[in-house]
């Protein structure tokens, strides 16, 4: 048992997700590739192949710039497309002569569509790589945004929102998996935090600007300016959004394998003969030249190709149903529900802004409603920076105390912040809103509650990438789908719920649900490794893939 993580009773030689991060006897891993700088004692997990086309072998600065590019794309695609309507609620009511519930449904219908097509997006990304669908999504987003800018009726606005939704799906889910494609285990925590800044912490930045633009130029200009930023993003992704999926030899995936490949790689690289029958049979099935077997890296023009190759032998039908199948894994189901509920609360507050702060005693206009989003942005960004500074250090420190063995459950240690932040944020937000406290105080409280969403998303995002990297696309897609369908259901009663219950009772309920979910983290931390071992032995799709 390592630091409270219970060991499974299994015949597996190696539990997928567990990895040797720091070897107590360096001579036993002398030929394995290790980190640089302060991480010279860290064994690289997964082990990179010998090809320069392997994303893990790209210069770190290049990988970081690609991550920054997708952070920008995610922020304008996820942050502007959805929350923008929440800030423009008063404008939408006046322009199309509708009520607040119909404004909410402009996003409800969109999110339902996103949730519906997400399994197809996941399947296509898993089989053919991510780049083709990122390019396609940007085209849909640009077209839908221009449509919304020209909409002259409520029905026309719905049409534009649905076209936007087709393009949003991949940025709400699949982009998370770039962290697993581009970085080693000991680098993922800080990069996940950076990405969560864009996807969650700064999600309201476009909305903050939206209010000012609407007041000064009119609400249509909010969509025209968004179209300009999307156009810039399309050009950048054509030039630099290279494919990050890679057909790496399974031998190097020392984190997802059920065999102890570390010692096999060490013996092969040291020139020793591997003559154990079991290992030999395993190598016969997995060792093949890497895709693009040349050592030299592809040219810039070749990297700009919209499509490269296939990355899975599974059928599309099988891959489409896989996101629903993995919900049979209790830990994945738990993580999906936690991420979904915590992100849902942020969407709920965003679409309650006009109803909470538009009438007396607040009487805020569209620009002032946007300013309330400053609290979540500030607290969310600070939380992400702290998480980024601590996550990898905690994981490495815990691995050192665990004789160099890394367990993905160590990522859950940072979850201890979530119940503290959600308690302060939500249990205070409702009563203070009912009492008509200062908008500045309300913005701060929303920010504190929102910080708990950041902690949950970053902690569980890092955990899922490390524990279930081979199905990480499906995990994040199904998480996004569940969240979107939950909000679609909420959109039919959300505003009426607030009107009948009042803010105090509504947010006390939200706070109570959040605390209950956080308490279950202890159970998952203890039994997570047992579930990983059980899942590997009983995963039908994984067995089919391994026997092909």
Protein backbone atom coordinates (compact mmCIF):
# COMPACT_ATOMS: atom_id res chain seq x y z
CA UNK A 1 0.00 0.00 0.00
CA UNK A 2 1.46 3.35 -1.08
CA UNK A 3 0.42 6.40 0.99
CA UNK A 4 -3.10 5.07 1.52
CA UNK A 5 -3.63 3.74 -2.02
CA UNK A 6 -4.78 0.13 -1.57
CA UNK A 7 -3.05 -2.60 -3.59
CA UNK A 8 -5.28 -4.88 -5.69
CA UNK A 9 -5.25 -8.65 -5.46
CA UNK A 10 -4.40 -9.31 -9.10
CA UNK A 11 -2.25 -11.45 -11.34
CA UNK A 12 -1.28 -8.41 -13.41
CA UNK A 13 2.45 -7.79 -13.58
CA UNK A 14 1.81 -4.05 -13.70
CA UNK A 15 -1.37 -2.06 -13.02
CA UNK A 16 -1.99 0.44 -15.86
CA UNK A 17 -1.49 4.00 -14.65
CA UNK A 18 1.12 3.10 -12.04
CA UNK A 19 4.62 4.07 -13.15
CA UNK A 20 8.23 4.11 -11.98
CA UNK A 21 8.93 7.84 -11.77
CA UNK A 22 12.11 7.85 -9.69
CA UNK A 23 14.34 4.81 -9.37
CA UNK A 24 15.93 4.22 -5.97
CA UNK A 25 18.76 2.38 -7.78
CA UNK A 26 19.71 4.55 -10.82
CA UNK A 27 21.90 1.82 -12.35
CA UNK A 28 18.77 -0.29 -12.95
CA UNK A 29 17.40 2.40 -15.30
CA UNK A 30 20.67 3.68 -16.72
CA UNK A 31 19.55 3.27 -20.34
CA UNK A 32 16.05 4.69 -19.93
CA UNK A 33 15.37 8.24 -21.09
CA UNK A 34 15.06 10.70 -18.23
CA UNK A 35 14.20 14.34 -17.70
CA UNK A 36 16.50 17.33 -17.91
CA UNK A 37 17.40 20.17 -15.59
CA UNK A 38 15.85 19.65 -12.16
CA UNK A 39 14.26 16.41 -13.39
CA UNK A 40 17.39 14.45 -14.31
CA UNK A 41 16.40 11.75 -11.81
CA UNK A 42 12.88 11.40 -13.25
CA UNK A 43 12.19 8.47 -15.59
CA UNK A 44 10.19 9.70 -18.59
CA UNK A 45 6.70 8.20 -18.64
CA UNK A 46 5.77 7.22 -21.28
CA UNK A 47 9.19 6.50 -22.76
CA UNK A 48 9.56 8.45 -26.05
CA UNK A 49 10.31 6.50 -29.23
CA UNK A 50 13.38 7.07 -31.40
CA UNK A 51 11.50 9.05 -34.06
CA UNK A 52 11.66 12.85 -34.17
CA UNK A 53 8.03 12.77 -35.35
CA UNK A 54 6.97 11.55 -31.92
CA UNK A 55 5.41 14.63 -30.22
CA UNK A 56 7.20 13.68 -27.00
CA UNK A 57 10.49 14.34 -28.83
CA UNK A 58 9.51 17.79 -30.08
CA UNK A 59 11.32 20.71 -28.36
CA UNK A 60 9.54 21.64 -25.13
CA UNK A 61 9.16 25.28 -26.19
CA UNK A 62 7.38 24.10 -29.33
CA UNK A 63 5.01 21.88 -27.39
CA UNK A 64 4.28 24.72 -24.98
CA UNK A 65 3.51 27.12 -27.82
CA UNK A 66 1.12 24.58 -29.34
CA UNK A 67 -0.57 24.34 -25.95
CA UNK A 68 -0.84 28.14 -25.79
CA UNK A 69 -2.41 28.16 -29.26
CA UNK A 70 -5.06 25.68 -28.18
CA UNK A 71 -5.61 27.62 -24.97
CA UNK A 72 -6.42 30.66 -27.12
CA UNK A 73 -8.71 28.63 -29.38
CA UNK A 74 -10.46 27.00 -26.44
CA UNK A 75 -11.06 30.31 -24.70
CA UNK A 76 -12.68 31.99 -27.70
CA UNK A 77 -14.60 28.84 -28.69
CA UNK A 78 -15.81 27.73 -25.25
CA UNK A 79 -15.59 31.01 -23.35
CA UNK A 80 -17.23 33.23 -25.95
CA UNK A 81 -19.75 30.94 -27.63
CA UNK A 82 -21.66 29.83 -24.54
CA UNK A 83 -21.39 32.43 -21.74
CA UNK A 84 -21.74 35.32 -24.20
CA UNK A 85 -25.52 34.80 -24.40
CA UNK A 86 -25.82 34.95 -20.61
CA UNK A 87 -24.42 38.49 -20.53
CA UNK A 88 -26.53 39.51 -23.54
CA UNK A 89 -29.73 38.26 -21.88
CA UNK A 90 -31.27 41.72 -21.54
CA UNK A 91 -30.39 42.56 -25.16
CA UNK A 92 -31.88 39.28 -26.42
CA UNK A 93 -35.10 39.90 -24.46
CA UNK A 94 -35.50 43.34 -26.04
CA UNK A 95 -34.35 42.42 -29.57
CA UNK A 96 -36.54 39.34 -30.04
CA UNK A 97 -39.32 40.11 -27.51
CA UNK A 98 -38.77 36.92 -25.50
CA UNK A 99 -38.45 36.01 -21.81
CA UNK A 100 -35.38 34.89 -19.82
CA UNK A 101 -36.20 31.19 -20.21
CA UNK A 102 -36.07 31.45 -24.01
CA UNK A 103 -32.72 33.24 -23.75
CA UNK A 104 -31.43 30.36 -21.63
CA UNK A 105 -32.73 27.88 -24.22
CA UNK A 106 -30.52 29.54 -26.86
CA UNK A 107 -27.65 27.85 -25.05
CA UNK A 108 -29.72 24.86 -23.90
CA UNK A 109 -30.46 23.72 -27.45
CA UNK A 110 -26.87 24.33 -28.46
CA UNK A 111 -25.45 22.31 -25.59
CA UNK A 112 -27.88 19.46 -26.28
CA UNK A 113 -26.59 19.30 -29.87
CA UNK A 114 -22.98 19.40 -28.65
CA UNK A 115 -23.67 16.53 -26.26
CA UNK A 116 -25.35 14.53 -29.02
CA UNK A 117 -22.55 14.77 -31.57
CA UNK A 118 -19.74 14.44 -29.02
CA UNK A 119 -19.48 10.61 -29.29
CA UNK A 120 -19.04 10.91 -33.07
CA UNK A 121 -16.39 13.61 -32.61
CA UNK A 122 -14.60 11.38 -30.10
CA UNK A 123 -14.70 8.39 -32.44
CA UNK A 124 -13.37 10.35 -35.42
CA UNK A 125 -10.62 11.94 -33.29
CA UNK A 126 -9.59 8.58 -31.87
CA UNK A 127 -9.44 6.88 -35.26
CA UNK A 128 -8.18 9.59 -37.62
CA UNK A 129 -6.41 12.00 -35.29
CA UNK A 130 -7.47 15.39 -33.95
CA UNK A 131 -6.23 17.86 -36.56
CA UNK A 132 -8.90 17.21 -39.27
CA UNK A 133 -11.70 17.84 -36.80
CA UNK A 134 -10.11 20.90 -35.23
CA UNK A 135 -9.97 22.45 -38.70
CA UNK A 136 -13.55 21.44 -39.51
CA UNK A 137 -14.79 22.75 -36.16
CA UNK A 138 -13.23 26.17 -36.71
CA UNK A 139 -15.06 26.49 -40.03
CA UNK A 140 -18.40 25.66 -38.37
CA UNK A 141 -17.71 28.11 -35.54
CA UNK A 142 -16.88 30.94 -37.93
CA UNK A 143 -19.96 30.28 -40.09
CA UNK A 144 -22.30 30.01 -37.09
CA UNK A 145 -20.98 33.21 -35.51
CA UNK A 146 -21.51 35.20 -38.73
CA UNK A 147 -25.04 33.74 -38.90
CA UNK A 148 -25.77 34.92 -35.34
CA UNK A 149 -24.49 38.40 -36.14
CA UNK A 150 -26.98 38.61 -39.03
CA UNK A 151 -29.93 36.92 -37.24
CA UNK A 152 -33.18 38.90 -37.47
CA UNK A 153 -35.44 36.54 -35.50
CA UNK A 154 -35.33 34.21 -32.53
CA UNK A 155 -35.57 31.12 -34.76
CA UNK A 156 -32.72 32.39 -36.92
CA UNK A 157 -30.60 32.94 -33.80
CA UNK A 158 -31.28 29.33 -32.77
CA UNK A 159 -30.03 28.20 -36.19
CA UNK A 160 -26.78 30.11 -35.80
CA UNK A 161 -26.29 28.79 -32.27
CA UNK A 162 -26.72 25.20 -33.47
CA UNK A 163 -24.10 25.65 -36.19
CA UNK A 164 -21.75 27.07 -33.55
CA UNK A 165 -22.50 24.02 -31.41
CA UNK A 166 -21.21 21.63 -34.08
CA UNK A 167 -17.85 23.39 -33.89
CA UNK A 168 -17.73 23.70 -30.11
CA UNK A 169 -17.87 19.96 -29.33
CA UNK A 170 -14.18 19.15 -29.86
CA UNK A 171 -12.93 22.19 -27.92
CA UNK A 172 -15.07 21.34 -24.89
CA UNK A 173 -13.68 17.82 -24.58
CA UNK A 174 -11.01 16.40 -26.88
CA UNK A 175 -8.58 19.30 -26.35
CA UNK A 176 -7.95 18.05 -22.79
CA UNK A 177 -6.22 14.98 -24.24
CA UNK A 178 -3.51 17.10 -25.89
CA UNK A 179 -1.85 17.16 -22.46
CA UNK A 180 -1.40 13.39 -22.62
CA UNK A 181 -0.17 13.56 -26.23
CA UNK A 182 2.44 16.26 -25.69
CA UNK A 183 3.80 15.79 -22.17
CA UNK A 184 5.30 13.24 -19.81
CA UNK A 185 3.62 12.38 -16.52
CA UNK A 186 5.84 14.69 -14.44
CA UNK A 187 4.99 17.65 -16.74
CA UNK A 188 1.23 17.22 -17.04
CA UNK A 189 -0.01 18.79 -13.82
CA UNK A 190 1.33 22.28 -14.53
CA UNK A 191 0.24 22.12 -18.18
CA UNK A 192 -3.22 20.92 -17.20
CA UNK A 193 -3.45 23.96 -14.92
CA UNK A 194 -2.46 26.25 -17.80
CA UNK A 195 -5.12 24.71 -20.02
CA UNK A 196 -7.77 24.93 -17.32
CA UNK A 197 -7.00 28.66 -17.06
CA UNK A 198 -8.21 29.01 -20.65
CA UNK A 199 -11.01 26.45 -20.58
CA UNK A 200 -12.43 27.25 -17.15
CA UNK A 201 -10.75 30.14 -15.28
CA UNK A 202 -10.85 32.68 -18.14
CA UNK A 203 -14.05 31.32 -19.64
CA UNK A 204 -15.83 34.57 -18.71
CA UNK A 205 -13.20 36.91 -20.20
CA UNK A 206 -15.08 37.25 -23.52
CA UNK A 207 -18.27 37.92 -21.57
CA UNK A 208 -16.56 40.71 -19.64
CA UNK A 209 -15.75 42.40 -22.93
CA UNK A 210 -19.14 41.52 -24.40
CA UNK A 211 -21.02 43.82 -22.02
CA UNK A 212 -18.87 46.83 -22.91
CA UNK A 213 -19.09 46.15 -26.65
CA UNK A 214 -22.87 45.70 -26.49
CA UNK A 215 -23.43 48.98 -24.66
CA UNK A 216 -21.17 50.99 -26.96
CA UNK A 217 -21.57 49.30 -30.37
CA UNK A 218 -24.65 47.09 -30.08
CA UNK A 219 -25.02 43.37 -29.43
CA UNK A 220 -24.42 42.34 -33.07
CA UNK A 221 -20.86 43.64 -32.86
CA UNK A 222 -20.18 41.09 -30.12
CA UNK A 223 -20.60 38.37 -32.74
CA UNK A 224 -18.69 40.26 -35.44
CA UNK A 225 -15.68 40.74 -33.16
CA UNK A 226 -15.88 37.08 -32.16
CA UNK A 227 -15.85 36.16 -35.87
CA UNK A 228 -12.63 38.17 -36.32
CA UNK A 229 -10.91 36.32 -33.46
CA UNK A 230 -12.16 32.99 -34.83
CA UNK A 231 -10.75 33.87 -38.26
CA UNK A 232 -7.35 34.55 -36.70
CA UNK A 233 -7.62 31.23 -34.86
CA UNK A 234 -8.42 29.37 -38.08
CA UNK A 235 -5.28 30.74 -39.76
CA UNK A 236 -3.12 29.85 -36.74
CA UNK A 237 -4.43 26.30 -36.50
CA UNK A 238 -3.86 25.74 -40.24
CA UNK A 239 -0.23 26.79 -39.81
CA UNK A 240 0.69 25.44 -36.37
CA UNK A 241 -2.08 23.15 -35.08
CA UNK A 242 -0.17 19.99 -36.02
CA UNK A 243 -1.39 16.49 -35.30
CA UNK A 244 -0.46 15.41 -31.76
CA UNK A 245 -1.69 11.82 -31.94
CA UNK A 246 1.08 9.33 -32.66
CA UNK A 247 1.27 5.59 -33.32
CA UNK A 248 3.94 4.94 -30.72
CA UNK A 249 5.11 1.38 -30.18
CA UNK A 250 3.07 -0.06 -27.30
CA UNK A 251 6.29 -1.10 -25.60
CA UNK A 252 7.02 2.55 -24.76
CA UNK A 253 3.63 3.12 -23.11
CA UNK A 254 4.91 2.02 -19.73
CA UNK A 255 1.99 3.72 -17.97
CA UNK A 256 -0.89 2.04 -19.84
CA UNK A 257 0.61 -1.44 -20.23
CA UNK A 258 -0.20 -4.37 -17.93
CA UNK A 259 3.40 -5.61 -18.18
CA UNK A 260 6.54 -4.19 -16.59
CA UNK A 261 7.93 -2.75 -19.84
CA UNK A 262 10.43 -0.54 -18.00
CA UNK A 263 12.79 -3.47 -17.44
CA UNK A 264 12.25 -4.81 -20.96
CA UNK A 265 13.19 -1.45 -22.51
CA UNK A 266 16.21 -1.19 -20.23
CA UNK A 267 17.48 -4.61 -21.29
CA UNK A 268 16.90 -3.93 -24.98
CA UNK A 269 18.67 -0.57 -24.88
CA UNK A 270 21.56 -1.99 -22.87
CA UNK A 271 22.12 -4.64 -25.56
CA UNK A 272 21.07 -7.59 -23.41
CA UNK A 273 19.06 -10.46 -24.86
CA UNK A 274 15.49 -10.71 -23.68
CA UNK A 275 14.87 -14.43 -23.59
CA UNK A 276 11.96 -14.85 -21.21
CA UNK A 277 9.16 -16.61 -23.07
CA UNK A 278 6.37 -14.36 -21.82
CA UNK A 279 8.26 -11.18 -22.60
CA UNK A 280 9.31 -12.49 -26.00
CA UNK A 281 5.70 -13.24 -26.91
CA UNK A 282 4.68 -9.79 -25.75
CA UNK A 283 7.42 -8.13 -27.80
CA UNK A 284 6.43 -10.11 -30.88
CA UNK A 285 2.94 -8.61 -30.69
CA UNK A 286 3.96 -5.05 -29.96
CA UNK A 287 7.34 -4.26 -31.46
CA UNK A 288 7.15 -2.71 -34.89
CA UNK A 289 8.77 0.30 -36.47
CA UNK A 290 7.22 3.56 -35.40
CA UNK A 291 4.86 5.27 -37.80
CA UNK A 292 6.91 7.56 -39.99
CA UNK A 293 9.87 5.39 -39.05
CA UNK A 294 12.44 7.88 -40.32
CA UNK A 295 14.47 9.50 -37.59
CA UNK A 296 14.26 12.88 -39.33
CA UNK A 297 11.27 15.04 -38.57
CA UNK A 298 8.62 15.79 -41.19
CA UNK A 299 8.93 19.09 -43.04
CA UNK A 300 6.77 22.09 -42.08
CA UNK A 301 4.61 21.63 -45.18
CA UNK A 302 4.01 17.97 -44.37
CA UNK A 303 3.00 18.88 -40.82
CA UNK A 304 0.37 21.23 -42.30
CA UNK A 305 -1.43 18.35 -44.03
CA UNK A 306 -5.05 18.25 -42.77
CA UNK A 307 -4.94 14.47 -42.36
CA UNK A 308 -2.08 12.09 -41.59
CA UNK A 309 -3.08 8.47 -40.95
CA UNK A 310 -5.33 6.24 -38.82
CA UNK A 311 -4.59 5.77 -35.13
CA UNK A 312 -6.88 2.88 -34.21
CA UNK A 313 -7.93 -0.44 -35.72
CA UNK A 314 -11.31 -0.28 -34.00
CA UNK A 315 -14.42 0.38 -36.07
CA UNK A 316 -16.17 3.75 -35.90
CA UNK A 317 -19.32 2.10 -34.50
CA UNK A 318 -17.30 0.54 -31.70
CA UNK A 319 -15.59 3.86 -30.94
CA UNK A 320 -18.91 5.76 -30.96
CA UNK A 321 -20.37 3.49 -28.27
CA UNK A 322 -17.19 3.37 -26.22
CA UNK A 323 -17.81 6.66 -24.28
CA UNK A 324 -21.06 5.23 -22.93
CA UNK A 325 -19.47 1.87 -22.16
CA UNK A 326 -16.69 3.37 -20.02
CA UNK A 327 -19.34 4.76 -17.66
CA UNK A 328 -19.55 1.20 -16.33
CA UNK A 329 -16.23 1.99 -14.65
CA UNK A 330 -17.32 3.40 -11.25
CA UNK A 331 -14.31 5.73 -10.93
CA UNK A 332 -14.81 7.20 -14.39
CA UNK A 333 -18.53 7.65 -13.67
CA UNK A 334 -17.65 9.35 -10.38
CA UNK A 335 -15.18 11.72 -12.05
CA UNK A 336 -17.60 12.53 -14.87
CA UNK A 337 -20.36 13.44 -12.40
CA UNK A 338 -18.03 15.57 -10.27
CA UNK A 339 -16.64 17.54 -13.21
CA UNK A 340 -20.12 17.90 -14.73
CA UNK A 341 -21.82 19.17 -11.59
CA UNK A 342 -19.08 21.64 -10.65
CA UNK A 343 -18.96 23.08 -14.18
CA UNK A 344 -22.75 23.10 -14.30
CA UNK A 345 -22.94 25.41 -11.26
CA UNK A 346 -20.86 28.00 -13.09
CA UNK A 347 -23.17 27.83 -16.13
CA UNK A 348 -26.19 28.08 -13.81
CA UNK A 349 -24.91 31.29 -12.18
CA UNK A 350 -24.03 32.77 -15.57
CA UNK A 351 -27.60 32.33 -16.79
CA UNK A 352 -29.05 33.66 -13.56
CA UNK A 353 -27.11 36.94 -13.79
CA UNK A 354 -29.80 38.91 -15.61
CA UNK A 355 -32.53 37.58 -13.31
CA UNK A 356 -30.52 38.16 -10.12
CA UNK A 357 -28.92 41.52 -10.86
CA UNK A 358 -31.14 43.11 -13.52
CA UNK A 359 -34.19 43.89 -11.31
CA UNK A 360 -34.12 46.02 -8.12
CA UNK A 361 -32.21 46.51 -5.90
CA UNK A 362 -29.29 46.05 -8.33
CA UNK A 363 -30.63 47.41 -11.68
CA UNK A 364 -27.38 46.51 -13.48
CA UNK A 365 -27.10 47.03 -17.25
CA UNK A 366 -25.47 44.64 -19.74
CA UNK A 367 -21.95 46.04 -19.25
CA UNK A 368 -22.25 45.87 -15.45
CA UNK A 369 -23.48 42.28 -15.66
CA UNK A 370 -20.31 41.46 -17.58
CA UNK A 371 -18.14 43.10 -14.91
CA UNK A 372 -19.45 40.64 -12.29
CA UNK A 373 -17.51 37.97 -14.18
CA UNK A 374 -14.25 39.61 -13.06
CA UNK A 375 -14.38 37.75 -9.73
CA UNK A 376 -14.42 34.25 -11.24
CA UNK A 377 -11.67 35.19 -13.68
CA UNK A 378 -9.35 36.58 -11.01
CA UNK A 379 -9.91 33.82 -8.45
CA UNK A 380 -9.98 31.14 -11.13
CA UNK A 381 -6.66 32.29 -12.60
CA UNK A 382 -4.98 32.54 -9.19
CA UNK A 383 -6.22 29.05 -8.31
CA UNK A 384 -4.88 27.66 -11.58
CA UNK A 385 -1.48 29.22 -11.01
CA UNK A 386 -1.31 27.77 -7.50
CA UNK A 387 -2.45 24.39 -8.79
CA UNK A 388 0.16 24.46 -11.54
CA UNK A 389 2.89 25.25 -9.01
CA UNK A 390 1.81 22.50 -6.61
CA UNK A 391 0.37 19.61 -8.63
CA UNK A 392 3.54 18.17 -10.19
CA UNK A 393 5.56 18.86 -7.03
CA UNK A 394 3.04 17.01 -4.88
CA UNK A 395 2.99 14.09 -7.32
CA UNK A 396 6.80 13.88 -7.40
CA UNK A 397 7.11 14.25 -3.63
CA UNK A 398 4.50 11.55 -3.02
CA UNK A 399 6.26 9.26 -5.52
CA UNK A 400 9.58 9.79 -3.70
CA UNK A 401 7.95 8.75 -0.41
CA UNK A 402 6.44 5.76 -2.24
CA UNK A 403 9.87 4.37 -3.26
CA UNK A 404 9.77 6.16 -6.60
CA UNK A 405 6.45 4.60 -7.67
CA UNK A 406 3.89 7.04 -9.04
CA UNK A 407 0.18 6.39 -8.57
CA UNK A 408 -2.36 8.57 -10.47
CA UNK A 409 -4.35 8.81 -7.23
CA UNK A 410 -1.67 11.19 -5.94
CA UNK A 411 -3.29 13.81 -8.21
CA UNK A 412 -6.38 13.66 -5.99
CA UNK A 413 -4.51 15.17 -3.02
CA UNK A 414 -5.21 18.67 -4.37
CA UNK A 415 -8.96 17.95 -4.20
CA UNK A 416 -8.79 18.91 -0.51
CA UNK A 417 -9.18 22.56 -1.54
CA UNK A 418 -12.51 22.03 -3.32
CA UNK A 419 -14.84 21.62 -0.30
CA UNK A 420 -13.30 24.64 1.44
CA UNK A 421 -13.77 26.92 -1.56
CA UNK A 422 -17.26 25.65 -2.46
CA UNK A 423 -18.46 26.05 1.14
CA UNK A 424 -17.34 29.68 1.34
CA UNK A 425 -18.52 30.52 -2.16
CA UNK A 426 -21.94 28.92 -2.50
CA UNK A 427 -23.22 29.04 1.08
CA UNK A 428 -22.49 32.78 1.16
CA UNK A 429 -23.52 33.69 -2.39
CA UNK A 430 -27.21 32.82 -1.98
CA UNK A 431 -27.93 34.64 1.31
CA UNK A 432 -25.90 37.69 0.27
CA UNK A 433 -27.75 37.91 -3.05
CA UNK A 434 -31.06 37.73 -1.18
CA UNK A 435 -29.93 40.60 1.05
CA UNK A 436 -28.84 42.74 -1.93
CA UNK A 437 -25.15 42.95 -0.95
CA UNK A 438 -22.70 44.92 -3.08
CA UNK A 439 -22.09 43.57 -6.63
CA UNK A 440 -18.38 43.60 -5.81
CA UNK A 441 -18.94 41.22 -2.88
CA UNK A 442 -21.13 39.02 -5.08
CA UNK A 443 -18.42 38.91 -7.73
CA UNK A 444 -15.83 37.87 -5.13
CA UNK A 445 -18.08 35.12 -3.73
CA UNK A 446 -18.80 33.82 -7.21
CA UNK A 447 -15.05 33.80 -7.76
CA UNK A 448 -14.40 31.73 -4.63
CA UNK A 449 -17.10 29.22 -5.56
CA UNK A 450 -15.79 29.15 -9.11
CA UNK A 451 -12.29 28.41 -7.82
CA UNK A 452 -13.63 25.08 -6.50
CA UNK A 453 -14.69 24.25 -10.07
CA UNK A 454 -11.16 24.99 -11.24
CA UNK A 455 -9.65 22.71 -8.58
CA UNK A 456 -12.02 19.85 -9.44
CA UNK A 457 -11.50 20.18 -13.20
CA UNK A 458 -7.70 20.41 -12.97
CA UNK A 459 -7.30 17.68 -10.33
CA UNK A 460 -9.62 15.17 -12.00
CA UNK A 461 -8.38 16.13 -15.47
CA UNK A 462 -4.80 15.27 -14.47
CA UNK A 463 -5.96 12.11 -12.70
CA UNK A 464 -7.99 10.82 -15.66
CA UNK A 465 -5.22 11.49 -18.19
CA UNK A 466 -2.73 9.58 -16.02
CA UNK A 467 -5.01 6.74 -14.89
CA UNK A 468 -6.93 6.11 -18.13
CA UNK A 469 -4.83 7.72 -20.87
CA UNK A 470 -5.83 5.11 -23.47
CA UNK A 471 -9.50 6.19 -23.18
CA UNK A 472 -8.91 9.82 -22.21
CA UNK A 473 -10.69 11.13 -25.32
CA UNK A 474 -13.81 9.14 -24.45
CA UNK A 475 -13.63 10.16 -20.79
CA UNK A 476 -13.60 13.89 -21.48
CA UNK A 477 -16.19 13.63 -24.25
CA UNK A 478 -18.68 11.76 -22.09
CA UNK A 479 -18.01 14.23 -19.26
CA UNK A 480 -18.84 17.12 -21.56
CA UNK A 481 -21.92 15.34 -22.90
CA UNK A 482 -23.27 14.62 -19.43
CA UNK A 483 -22.71 18.24 -18.37
CA UNK A 484 -24.39 19.59 -21.49
CA UNK A 485 -27.45 17.35 -21.19
CA UNK A 486 -27.73 18.26 -17.52
CA UNK A 487 -27.77 21.94 -18.41
CA UNK A 488 -30.25 21.30 -21.24
CA UNK A 489 -32.57 19.82 -18.62
CA UNK A 490 -31.88 22.70 -16.22
CA UNK A 491 -32.61 25.27 -18.95
CA UNK A 492 -36.31 24.33 -18.87
CA UNK A 493 -36.74 25.16 -15.16
CA UNK A 494 -33.61 27.10 -14.14
CA UNK A 495 -35.12 30.58 -14.07
CA UNK A 496 -38.39 29.36 -12.58
CA UNK A 497 -36.42 27.46 -9.91
CA UNK A 498 -34.67 30.67 -8.87
CA UNK A 499 -37.96 32.62 -8.88
CA UNK A 500 -39.77 30.08 -6.67
CA UNK A 501 -37.01 29.08 -4.24
CA UNK A 502 -35.08 32.33 -4.02
CA UNK A 503 -31.26 32.62 -4.22
CA UNK A 504 -30.56 31.53 -0.62
CA UNK A 505 -32.28 28.15 -0.87
CA UNK A 506 -30.99 27.49 -4.41
CA UNK A 507 -27.32 28.08 -3.54
CA UNK A 508 -27.51 26.26 -0.20
CA UNK A 509 -28.67 23.26 -2.22
CA UNK A 510 -25.80 23.69 -4.67
CA UNK A 511 -23.32 23.96 -1.79
CA UNK A 512 -24.68 20.84 -0.10
CA UNK A 513 -24.46 18.75 -3.29
CA UNK A 514 -20.89 19.96 -3.85
CA UNK A 515 -19.78 18.98 -0.33
CA UNK A 516 -21.33 15.52 -0.65
CA UNK A 517 -19.50 14.87 -3.91
CA UNK A 518 -16.15 16.09 -2.52
CA UNK A 519 -16.40 13.70 0.43
CA UNK A 520 -16.40 10.71 -1.92
CA UNK A 521 -12.86 11.57 -3.11
CA UNK A 522 -11.43 9.74 -0.08
CA UNK A 523 -13.01 6.47 -1.22
CA UNK A 524 -11.72 6.86 -4.78
CA UNK A 525 -8.22 7.71 -3.53
CA UNK A 526 -8.10 4.49 -1.51
CA UNK A 527 -9.72 2.12 -4.02
CA UNK A 528 -8.73 3.77 -7.31
CA UNK A 529 -5.86 1.37 -8.02
CA UNK A 530 -8.06 -1.64 -7.34
CA UNK A 531 -10.58 -0.31 -9.86
CA UNK A 532 -7.83 0.29 -12.45
CA UNK A 533 -6.69 -3.32 -12.16
CA UNK A 534 -10.26 -4.66 -12.30
CA UNK A 535 -11.11 -2.51 -15.32
CA UNK A 536 -8.05 -3.60 -17.28
CA UNK A 537 -8.96 -7.26 -16.78
CA UNK A 538 -12.64 -6.80 -17.73
CA UNK A 539 -12.57 -4.05 -20.39
CA UNK A 540 -14.13 -5.76 -23.41
CA UNK A 541 -13.03 -3.14 -25.93
CA UNK A 542 -9.44 -3.22 -24.66
CA UNK A 543 -9.36 -7.00 -25.00
CA UNK A 544 -10.63 -6.78 -28.57
CA UNK A 545 -7.95 -4.21 -29.41
CA UNK A 546 -5.16 -6.27 -27.84
CA UNK A 547 -6.16 -9.44 -29.68
CA UNK A 548 -6.20 -7.81 -33.12
